C-alpha atoms as a PDB file:
ATOM      1  CA  UNK A   1       3.584   2.812  12.850  1.00  0.00           C
ATOM      2  CA  UNK A   2       5.098  -0.661  13.362  1.00  0.00           C
ATOM      3  CA  UNK A   3       6.335  -1.574  17.235  1.00  0.00           C
ATOM      4  CA  UNK A   4       8.609  -4.183  18.181  1.00  0.00           C
ATOM      5  CA  UNK A   5       7.237  -5.781  21.905  1.00  0.00           C
ATOM      6  CA  UNK A   6       8.013  -9.480  23.020  1.00  0.00           C
ATOM      7  CA  UNK A   7       8.784 -10.938  19.373  1.00  0.00           C
ATOM      8  CA  UNK A   8       4.901  -9.775  18.129  1.00  0.00           C
ATOM      9  CA  UNK A   9       5.721  -6.542  15.817  1.00  0.00           C
ATOM     10  CA  UNK A  10       2.517  -3.845  16.629  1.00  0.00           C
ATOM     11  CA  UNK A  11       1.182  -2.296  13.971  1.00  0.00           C
ATOM     12  CA  UNK A  12      -0.321   1.435  14.914  1.00  0.00           C
ATOM     13  CA  UNK A  13      -3.771   1.809  14.180  1.00  0.00           C
ATOM     14  CA  UNK A  14      -4.567   4.203  10.279  1.00  0.00           C
ATOM     15  CA  UNK A  15      -7.329   5.886   9.859  1.00  0.00           C
ATOM     16  CA  UNK A  16      -8.804   6.989   7.130  1.00  0.00           C
ATOM     17  CA  UNK A  17     -11.249   9.167   6.169  1.00  0.00           C
ATOM     18  CA  UNK A  18     -13.862   9.063   9.509  1.00  0.00           C
ATOM     19  CA  UNK A  19     -12.272   5.665   9.816  1.00  0.00           C
ATOM     20  CA  UNK A  20      -9.637   4.782  12.646  1.00  0.00           C
ATOM     21  CA  UNK A  21      -8.390   0.723  11.699  1.00  0.00           C
ATOM     22  CA  UNK A  22      -6.541  -1.740  13.750  1.00  0.00           C
ATOM     23  CA  UNK A  23      -5.350  -5.095  13.471  1.00  0.00           C
ATOM     24  CA  UNK A  24      -6.081  -7.100  16.781  1.00  0.00           C
ATOM     25  CA  UNK A  25      -4.935 -10.346  15.686  1.00  0.00           C
ATOM     26  CA  UNK A  26      -5.300 -13.346  18.239  1.00  0.00           C
ATOM     27  CA  UNK A  27      -3.496 -17.298  18.555  1.00  0.00           C
ATOM     28  CA  UNK A  28      -5.870 -19.922  17.617  1.00  0.00           C
ATOM     29  CA  UNK A  29      -3.875 -22.900  18.499  1.00  0.00           C
ATOM     30  CA  UNK A  30      -0.070 -22.756  19.114  1.00  0.00           C
ATOM     31  CA  UNK A  31       1.796 -21.279  16.555  1.00  0.00           C
ATOM     32  CA  UNK A  32      -1.164 -20.243  14.115  1.00  0.00           C
ATOM     33  CA  UNK A  33      -2.907 -16.659  14.554  1.00  0.00           C
ATOM     34  CA  UNK A  34      -6.147 -15.693  13.306  1.00  0.00           C
ATOM     35  CA  UNK A  35      -6.283 -12.698  11.377  1.00  0.00           C
ATOM     36  CA  UNK A  36      -8.565  -9.935  13.206  1.00  0.00           C
ATOM     37  CA  UNK A  37      -9.212  -5.664  12.342  1.00  0.00           C
ATOM     38  CA  UNK A  38     -11.283  -3.238  13.740  1.00  0.00           C
ATOM     39  CA  UNK A  39     -12.838  -0.674  12.394  1.00  0.00           C
ATOM     40  CA  UNK A  40     -14.646   2.147  14.367  1.00  0.00           C
ATOM     41  CA  UNK A  41     -15.865   5.523  13.457  1.00  0.00           C
ATOM     42  CA  UNK A  42     -17.769   7.824  15.441  1.00  0.00           C
ATOM     43  CA  UNK A  43     -17.191   9.191  18.601  1.00  0.00           C
ATOM     44  CA  UNK A  44     -19.208   8.780  21.756  1.00  0.00           C
ATOM     45  CA  UNK A  45     -23.108   7.492  21.762  1.00  0.00           C
ATOM     46  CA  UNK A  46     -22.631   8.011  18.125  1.00  0.00           C
ATOM     47  CA  UNK A  47     -19.639   5.199  17.930  1.00  0.00           C
ATOM     48  CA  UNK A  48     -19.691   1.743  16.097  1.00  0.00           C
ATOM     49  CA  UNK A  49     -16.395  -0.626  15.472  1.00  0.00           C
ATOM     50  CA  UNK A  50     -17.067  -3.509  13.517  1.00  0.00           C
ATOM     51  CA  UNK A  51     -14.876  -6.691  14.399  1.00  0.00           C
ATOM     52  CA  UNK A  52     -13.951  -8.573  11.477  1.00  0.00           C
ATOM     53  CA  UNK A  53     -12.280 -11.850  11.926  1.00  0.00           C
ATOM     54  CA  UNK A  54     -10.800 -14.310   8.425  1.00  0.00           C
ATOM     55  CA  UNK A  55     -10.888 -17.470   8.638  1.00  0.00           C
ATOM     56  CA  UNK A  56      -7.229 -18.005   6.843  1.00  0.00           C
ATOM     57  CA  UNK A  57      -4.681 -19.378   9.575  1.00  0.00           C
ATOM     58  CA  UNK A  58      -1.334 -17.740  10.161  1.00  0.00           C
ATOM     59  CA  UNK A  59       2.063 -19.126  11.010  1.00  0.00           C
ATOM     60  CA  UNK A  60       3.138 -15.481  12.593  1.00  0.00           C
ATOM     61  CA  UNK A  61       1.478 -12.774  14.335  1.00  0.00           C
ATOM     62  CA  UNK A  62       2.797 -10.153  12.479  1.00  0.00           C
ATOM     63  CA  UNK A  63       1.210 -12.176   8.991  1.00  0.00           C
ATOM     64  CA  UNK A  64      -2.180 -12.337  10.488  1.00  0.00           C
ATOM     65  CA  UNK A  65      -1.887  -8.294  11.203  1.00  0.00           C
ATOM     66  CA  UNK A  66      -0.635  -7.129   8.234  1.00  0.00           C
ATOM     67  CA  UNK A  67      -3.470  -9.426   6.667  1.00  0.00           C
ATOM     68  CA  UNK A  68      -6.231  -7.677   8.870  1.00  0.00           C
ATOM     69  CA  UNK A  69      -4.460  -4.550   7.925  1.00  0.00           C
ATOM     70  CA  UNK A  70      -4.631  -4.451   4.275  1.00  0.00           C
ATOM     71  CA  UNK A  71      -8.056  -6.251   3.947  1.00  0.00           C
ATOM     72  CA  UNK A  72      -9.168  -3.681   7.043  1.00  0.00           C
ATOM     73  CA  UNK A  73      -8.032  -0.755   4.214  1.00  0.00           C
ATOM     74  CA  UNK A  74      -9.435  -2.138   1.874  1.00  0.00           C
ATOM     75  CA  UNK A  75     -12.978  -2.411   3.442  1.00  0.00           C
ATOM     76  CA  UNK A  76     -12.693   1.708   3.996  1.00  0.00           C
ATOM     77  CA  UNK A  77     -11.545   2.595   0.920  1.00  0.00           C
ATOM     78  CA  UNK A  78     -14.382   0.983  -0.017  1.00  0.00           C
ATOM     79  CA  UNK A  79     -16.836   2.280   2.122  1.00  0.00           C
ATOM     80  CA  UNK A  80     -15.986   5.599   0.829  1.00  0.00           C
ATOM     81  CA  UNK A  81     -16.211   5.781  -2.919  1.00  0.00           C
ATOM     82  CA  UNK A  82     -19.874   4.547  -2.064  1.00  0.00           C
ATOM     83  CA  UNK A  83     -20.801   7.984  -0.200  1.00  0.00           C
END
């Protein structure tokens, strides 16, 4: 689900198999954003959360979020195929 808040689009986390994928872009320098994605799995003391940061800069928060989410989804699909 996509939400609009303070002129920024917030993309809801996506669940694929055992992975919860959430885009978390960050402001790099004024007008430039970095894409980051959190991929969490498990629960309680058996939980893990990996965060991937990408080197490309994006001109908007939305573009960085969409890129990060797409990369996280690709990673989860690949990881699930390996098992």
